[in-house]
Amino acid sequence: MIERGERLVLVDAFGEKRVKRALSPVTEGRDFPIVWACDESEWEQAQRDKRDPDPDPFPWPANAVHR
């Protein structure tokens, strides 16, 4: 179970690992399960500004999540 704010390691289409913060648990996307996430810097800035973080422009496939 993925929880909001949890640090995730996501593997992009090029095989590069990216550290992100979860904004949602795994949810059903149109074609496959997804996770919404944001960059660590966005998460930290949103916490300082007392606002919700802006998500990445596209959701991540749940199978790209590695812990």
PDB file of N, CA and C in Angstrom:
ATOM      1  N   MET A   1       0.833  -1.174   0.000  1.00  0.00           N
ATOM      2  CA  MET A   1       0.000   0.000   0.000  1.00  0.00           C
ATOM      3  C   MET A   1       0.887   1.251   0.000  1.00  0.00           C
ATOM      4  N   ILE A   2       0.686   2.097  -0.953  1.00  0.00           N
ATOM      5  CA  ILE A   2       1.439   3.345  -1.047  1.00  0.00           C
ATOM      6  C   ILE A   2       0.646   4.438  -0.352  1.00  0.00           C
ATOM      7  N   GLU A   3       1.321   5.220   0.481  1.00  0.00           N
ATOM      8  CA  GLU A   3       0.675   6.291   1.224  1.00  0.00           C
ATOM      9  C   GLU A   3       1.160   7.645   0.736  1.00  0.00           C
ATOM     10  N   ARG A   4       0.290   8.638   0.794  1.00  0.00           N
ATOM     11  CA  ARG A   4       0.639  10.007   0.403  1.00  0.00           C
ATOM     12  C   ARG A   4       1.880  10.454   1.177  1.00  0.00           C
ATOM     13  N   GLY A   5       2.838  11.040   0.464  1.00  0.00           N
ATOM     14  CA  GLY A   5       4.060  11.524   1.084  1.00  0.00           C
ATOM     15  C   GLY A   5       5.188  10.508   1.132  1.00  0.00           C
ATOM     16  N   GLU A   6       4.885   9.263   0.845  1.00  0.00           N
ATOM     17  CA  GLU A   6       5.908   8.215   0.863  1.00  0.00           C
ATOM     18  C   GLU A   6       6.926   8.460  -0.247  1.00  0.00           C
ATOM     19  N   ARG A   7       8.195   8.249   0.069  1.00  0.00           N
ATOM     20  CA  ARG A   7       9.245   8.348  -0.957  1.00  0.00           C
ATOM     21  C   ARG A   7       9.190   7.100  -1.819  1.00  0.00           C
ATOM     22  N   LEU A   8       9.210   7.322  -3.118  1.00  0.00           N
ATOM     23  CA  LEU A   8       9.174   6.228  -4.074  1.00  0.00           C
ATOM     24  C   LEU A   8      10.364   6.321  -5.006  1.00  0.00           C
ATOM     25  N   VAL A   9      10.831   5.198  -5.460  1.00  0.00           N
ATOM     26  CA  VAL A   9      11.805   5.148  -6.547  1.00  0.00           C
ATOM     27  C   VAL A   9      11.034   4.666  -7.762  1.00  0.00           C
ATOM     28  N   LEU A  10      10.990   5.510  -8.784  1.00  0.00           N
ATOM     29  CA  LEU A  10      10.259   5.197 -10.004  1.00  0.00           C
ATOM     30  C   LEU A  10      11.245   5.038 -11.144  1.00  0.00           C
ATOM     31  N   VAL A  11      11.008   4.073 -12.002  1.00  0.00           N
ATOM     32  CA  VAL A  11      11.878   3.833 -13.155  1.00  0.00           C
ATOM     33  C   VAL A  11      11.169   4.371 -14.386  1.00  0.00           C
ATOM     34  N   ASP A  12      11.837   5.323 -15.074  1.00  0.00           N
ATOM     35  CA  ASP A  12      11.210   5.936 -16.244  1.00  0.00           C
ATOM     36  C   ASP A  12      11.394   5.068 -17.496  1.00  0.00           C
ATOM     37  N   ALA A  13      10.898   5.538 -18.620  1.00  0.00           N
ATOM     38  CA  ALA A  13      10.920   4.764 -19.870  1.00  0.00           C
ATOM     39  C   ALA A  13      12.338   4.477 -20.363  1.00  0.00           C
ATOM     40  N   PHE A  14      13.318   5.242 -19.868  1.00  0.00           N
ATOM     41  CA  PHE A  14      14.708   5.042 -20.279  1.00  0.00           C
ATOM     42  C   PHE A  14      15.486   4.180 -19.290  1.00  0.00           C
ATOM     43  N   GLY A  15      14.790   3.679 -18.266  1.00  0.00           N
ATOM     44  CA  GLY A  15      15.439   2.845 -17.264  1.00  0.00           C
ATOM     45  C   GLY A  15      16.121   3.633 -16.160  1.00  0.00           C
ATOM     46  N   GLU A  16      15.936   4.957 -16.155  1.00  0.00           N
ATOM     47  CA  GLU A  16      16.544   5.808 -15.124  1.00  0.00           C
ATOM     48  C   GLU A  16      15.666   5.805 -13.873  1.00  0.00           C
ATOM     49  N   LYS A  17      16.299   5.751 -12.714  1.00  0.00           N
ATOM     50  CA  LYS A  17      15.575   5.792 -11.451  1.00  0.00           C
ATOM     51  C   LYS A  17      15.383   7.242 -11.022  1.00  0.00           C
ATOM     52  N   ARG A  18      14.178   7.546 -10.564  1.00  0.00           N
ATOM     53  CA  ARG A  18      13.841   8.889 -10.095  1.00  0.00           C
ATOM     54  C   ARG A  18      13.172   8.776  -8.730  1.00  0.00           C
ATOM     55  N   VAL A  19      13.626   9.592  -7.793  1.00  0.00           N
ATOM     56  CA  VAL A  19      13.024   9.614  -6.468  1.00  0.00           C
ATOM     57  C   VAL A  19      11.910  10.652  -6.490  1.00  0.00           C
ATOM     58  N   LYS A  20      10.735  10.233  -6.077  1.00  0.00           N
ATOM     59  CA  LYS A  20       9.547  11.085  -6.077  1.00  0.00           C
ATOM     60  C   LYS A  20       8.816  10.909  -4.756  1.00  0.00           C
ATOM     61  N   ARG A  21       7.792  11.732  -4.547  1.00  0.00           N
ATOM     62  CA  ARG A  21       6.895  11.595  -3.404  1.00  0.00           C
ATOM     63  C   ARG A  21       5.516  11.217  -3.920  1.00  0.00           C
ATOM     64  N   ALA A  22       4.908  10.235  -3.304  1.00  0.00           N
ATOM     65  CA  ALA A  22       3.573   9.784  -3.698  1.00  0.00           C
ATOM     66  C   ALA A  22       2.534  10.831  -3.333  1.00  0.00           C
ATOM     67  N   LEU A  23       1.630  11.080  -4.250  1.00  0.00           N
ATOM     68  CA  LEU A  23       0.495  11.956  -3.986  1.00  0.00           C
ATOM     69  C   LEU A  23      -0.801  11.165  -3.895  1.00  0.00           C
ATOM     70  N   SER A  24      -0.740   9.901  -4.273  1.00  0.00           N
ATOM     71  CA  SER A  24      -1.933   9.057  -4.231  1.00  0.00           C
ATOM     72  C   SER A  24      -1.514   7.609  -4.013  1.00  0.00           C
ATOM     73  N   PRO A  25      -2.446   6.794  -3.548  1.00  0.00           N
ATOM     74  CA  PRO A  25      -2.183   5.361  -3.582  1.00  0.00           C
ATOM     75  C   PRO A  25      -2.313   4.878  -5.023  1.00  0.00           C
ATOM     76  N   VAL A  26      -2.084   3.618  -5.244  1.00  0.00           N
ATOM     77  CA  VAL A  26      -2.294   3.050  -6.581  1.00  0.00           C
ATOM     78  C   VAL A  26      -3.785   3.159  -6.889  1.00  0.00           C
ATOM     79  N   THR A  27      -4.092   3.742  -8.046  1.00  0.00           N
ATOM     80  CA  THR A  27      -5.477   3.885  -8.489  1.00  0.00           C
ATOM     81  C   THR A  27      -5.596   3.336  -9.907  1.00  0.00           C
ATOM     82  N   GLU A  28      -6.799   3.035 -10.288  1.00  0.00           N
ATOM     83  CA  GLU A  28      -7.019   2.487 -11.634  1.00  0.00           C
ATOM     84  C   GLU A  28      -7.004   3.625 -12.648  1.00  0.00           C
ATOM     85  N   GLY A  29      -6.063   3.571 -13.583  1.00  0.00           N
ATOM     86  CA  GLY A  29      -6.019   4.515 -14.688  1.00  0.00           C
ATOM     87  C   GLY A  29      -6.922   4.027 -15.804  1.00  0.00           C
ATOM     88  N   ARG A  30      -6.859   4.700 -16.938  1.00  0.00           N
ATOM     89  CA  ARG A  30      -7.718   4.295 -18.049  1.00  0.00           C
ATOM     90  C   ARG A  30      -7.357   2.908 -18.560  1.00  0.00           C
ATOM     91  N   ASP A  31      -6.045   2.619 -18.670  1.00  0.00           N
ATOM     92  CA  ASP A  31      -5.599   1.338 -19.231  1.00  0.00           C
ATOM     93  C   ASP A  31      -4.848   0.446 -18.245  1.00  0.00           C
ATOM     94  N   PHE A  32      -4.366   1.016 -17.142  1.00  0.00           N
ATOM     95  CA  PHE A  32      -3.565   0.253 -16.182  1.00  0.00           C
ATOM     96  C   PHE A  32      -3.504   1.022 -14.860  1.00  0.00           C
ATOM     97  N   PRO A  33      -3.096   0.356 -13.776  1.00  0.00           N
ATOM     98  CA  PRO A  33      -2.980   1.029 -12.478  1.00  0.00           C
ATOM     99  C   PRO A  33      -1.892   2.108 -12.514  1.00  0.00           C
ATOM    100  N   ILE A  34      -2.154   3.230 -11.829  1.00  0.00           N
ATOM    101  CA  ILE A  34      -1.236   4.370 -11.831  1.00  0.00           C
ATOM    102  C   ILE A  34      -0.998   4.894 -10.412  1.00  0.00           C
ATOM    103  N   VAL A  35       0.022   5.737 -10.305  1.00  0.00           N
ATOM    104  CA  VAL A  35       0.322   6.477  -9.080  1.00  0.00           C
ATOM    105  C   VAL A  35       0.625   7.915  -9.492  1.00  0.00           C
ATOM    106  N   TRP A  36       0.022   8.870  -8.793  1.00  0.00           N
ATOM    107  CA  TRP A  36       0.379  10.269  -8.993  1.00  0.00           C
ATOM    108  C   TRP A  36       1.519  10.597  -8.048  1.00  0.00           C
ATOM    109  N   ALA A  37       2.497  11.353  -8.528  1.00  0.00           N
ATOM    110  CA  ALA A  37       3.675  11.674  -7.725  1.00  0.00           C
ATOM    111  C   ALA A  37       4.170  13.071  -8.085  1.00  0.00           C
ATOM    112  N   CYS A  38       5.126  13.552  -7.296  1.00  0.00           N
ATOM    113  CA  CYS A  38       5.773  14.836  -7.584  1.00  0.00           C
ATOM    114  C   CYS A  38       7.241  14.741  -7.188  1.00  0.00           C
ATOM    115  N   ASP A  39       8.013  15.714  -7.659  1.00  0.00           N
ATOM    116  CA  ASP A  39       9.426  15.785  -7.290  1.00  0.00           C
ATOM    117  C   ASP A  39       9.563  16.098  -5.803  1.00  0.00           C
ATOM    118  N   GLU A  40      10.662  15.669  -5.237  1.00  0.00           N
ATOM    119  CA  GLU A  40      10.957  15.934  -3.832  1.00  0.00           C
ATOM    120  C   GLU A  40      10.952  17.436  -3.552  1.00  0.00           C
ATOM    121  N   SER A  41      11.536  18.216  -4.442  1.00  0.00           N
ATOM    122  CA  SER A  41      11.596  19.670  -4.227  1.00  0.00           C
ATOM    123  C   SER A  41      10.198  20.290  -4.205  1.00  0.00           C
ATOM    124  N   GLU A  42       9.293  19.822  -5.064  1.00  0.00           N
ATOM    125  CA  GLU A  42       7.915  20.322  -5.073  1.00  0.00           C
ATOM    126  C   GLU A  42       7.212  19.948  -3.780  1.00  0.00           C
ATOM    127  N   TRP A  43       7.439  18.733  -3.306  1.00  0.00           N
ATOM    128  CA  TRP A  43       6.836  18.289  -2.054  1.00  0.00           C
ATOM    129  C   TRP A  43       7.272  19.208  -0.901  1.00  0.00           C
ATOM    130  N   GLU A  44       8.582  19.461  -0.810  1.00  0.00           N
ATOM    131  CA  GLU A  44       9.116  20.284   0.271  1.00  0.00           C
ATOM    132  C   GLU A  44       8.612  21.721   0.186  1.00  0.00           C
ATOM    133  N   GLN A  45       8.577  22.295  -1.024  1.00  0.00           N
ATOM    134  CA  GLN A  45       8.095  23.665  -1.191  1.00  0.00           C
ATOM    135  C   GLN A  45       6.617  23.767  -0.812  1.00  0.00           C
ATOM    136  N   ALA A  46       5.830  22.799  -1.218  1.00  0.00           N
ATOM    137  CA  ALA A  46       4.405  22.800  -0.879  1.00  0.00           C
ATOM    138  C   ALA A  46       4.206  22.718   0.634  1.00  0.00           C
ATOM    139  N   GLN A  47       5.031  21.932   1.317  1.00  0.00           N
ATOM    140  CA  GLN A  47       4.943  21.847   2.774  1.00  0.00           C
ATOM    141  C   GLN A  47       5.246  23.204   3.405  1.00  0.00           C
ATOM    142  N   ARG A  48       6.269  23.893   2.899  1.00  0.00           N
ATOM    143  CA  ARG A  48       6.610  25.222   3.422  1.00  0.00           C
ATOM    144  C   ARG A  48       5.493  26.233   3.148  1.00  0.00           C
ATOM    145  N   ASP A  49       4.890  26.134   1.960  1.00  0.00           N
ATOM    146  CA  ASP A  49       3.828  27.070   1.556  1.00  0.00           C
ATOM    147  C   ASP A  49       2.449  26.684   2.086  1.00  0.00           C
ATOM    148  N   LYS A  50       2.369  25.540   2.771  1.00  0.00           N
ATOM    149  CA  LYS A  50       1.092  25.034   3.308  1.00  0.00           C
ATOM    150  C   LYS A  50       0.039  24.897   2.206  1.00  0.00           C
ATOM    151  N   ARG A  51       0.426  24.193   1.143  1.00  0.00           N
ATOM    152  CA  ARG A  51      -0.471  23.940   0.009  1.00  0.00           C
ATOM    153  C   ARG A  51      -0.272  22.514  -0.466  1.00  0.00           C
ATOM    154  N   ASP A  52      -1.182  22.052  -1.306  1.00  0.00           N
ATOM    155  CA  ASP A  52      -1.024  20.730  -1.915  1.00  0.00           C
ATOM    156  C   ASP A  52       0.046  20.810  -2.996  1.00  0.00           C
ATOM    157  N   PRO A  53       0.899  19.802  -3.084  1.00  0.00           N
ATOM    158  CA  PRO A  53       1.926  19.793  -4.131  1.00  0.00           C
ATOM    159  C   PRO A  53       1.300  19.644  -5.515  1.00  0.00           C
ATOM    160  N   ASP A  54       1.942  20.246  -6.502  1.00  0.00           N
ATOM    161  CA  ASP A  54       1.534  20.064  -7.889  1.00  0.00           C
ATOM    162  C   ASP A  54       2.073  18.719  -8.373  1.00  0.00           C
ATOM    163  N   PRO A  55       1.218  17.886  -8.947  1.00  0.00           N
ATOM    164  CA  PRO A  55       1.680  16.573  -9.425  1.00  0.00           C
ATOM    165  C   PRO A  55       2.505  16.694 -10.698  1.00  0.00           C
ATOM    166  N   ASP A  56       3.281  15.655 -10.979  1.00  0.00           N
ATOM    167  CA  ASP A  56       3.934  15.545 -12.283  1.00  0.00           C
ATOM    168  C   ASP A  56       2.837  15.651 -13.347  1.00  0.00           C
ATOM    169  N   PRO A  57       3.180  16.076 -14.560  1.00  0.00           N
ATOM    170  CA  PRO A  57       2.149  16.252 -15.592  1.00  0.00           C
ATOM    171  C   PRO A  57       1.439  14.955 -15.991  1.00  0.00           C
ATOM    172  N   PHE A  58       2.091  13.832 -15.803  1.00  0.00           N
ATOM    173  CA  PHE A  58       1.499  12.545 -16.166  1.00  0.00           C
ATOM    174  C   PHE A  58       1.631  11.586 -14.989  1.00  0.00           C
ATOM    175  N   PRO A  59       0.668  10.690 -14.803  1.00  0.00           N
ATOM    176  CA  PRO A  59       0.785   9.694 -13.734  1.00  0.00           C
ATOM    177  C   PRO A  59       1.848   8.652 -14.101  1.00  0.00           C
ATOM    178  N   TRP A  60       2.334   7.986 -13.088  1.00  0.00           N
ATOM    179  CA  TRP A  60       3.306   6.917 -13.284  1.00  0.00           C
ATOM    180  C   TRP A  60       2.604   5.568 -13.275  1.00  0.00           C
ATOM    181  N   PRO A  61       2.997   4.660 -14.160  1.00  0.00           N
ATOM    182  CA  PRO A  61       2.436   3.291 -14.088  1.00  0.00           C
ATOM    183  C   PRO A  61       2.831   2.667 -12.754  1.00  0.00           C
ATOM    184  N   ALA A  62       1.912   1.995 -12.118  1.00  0.00           N
ATOM    185  CA  ALA A  62       2.191   1.381 -10.826  1.00  0.00           C
ATOM    186  C   ALA A  62       3.348   0.373 -10.913  1.00  0.00           C
ATOM    187  N   ASN A  63       3.514  -0.263 -12.076  1.00  0.00           N
ATOM    188  CA  ASN A  63       4.606  -1.245 -12.188  1.00  0.00           C
ATOM    189  C   ASN A  63       5.968  -0.575 -12.317  1.00  0.00           C
ATOM    190  N   ALA A  64       6.028   0.768 -12.382  1.00  0.00           N
ATOM    191  CA  ALA A  64       7.299   1.496 -12.407  1.00  0.00           C
ATOM    192  C   ALA A  64       7.794   1.821 -11.000  1.00  0.00           C
ATOM    193  N   VAL A  65       6.962   1.528  -9.991  1.00  0.00           N
ATOM    194  CA  VAL A  65       7.304   1.836  -8.601  1.00  0.00           C
ATOM    195  C   VAL A  65       8.190   0.744  -8.031  1.00  0.00           C
ATOM    196  N   HIS A  66       9.313   1.171  -7.460  1.00  0.00           N
ATOM    197  CA  HIS A  66      10.220   0.273  -6.748  1.00  0.00           C
ATOM    198  C   HIS A  66      10.523   0.928  -5.416  1.00  0.00           C
ATOM    199  N   ARG A  67      10.539   0.138  -4.379  1.00  0.00           N
ATOM    200  CA  ARG A  67      10.780   0.722  -3.043  1.00  0.00           C
ATOM    201  C   ARG A  67      12.159   0.439  -2.576  1.00  0.00           C
TER     202      ARG A  67
END
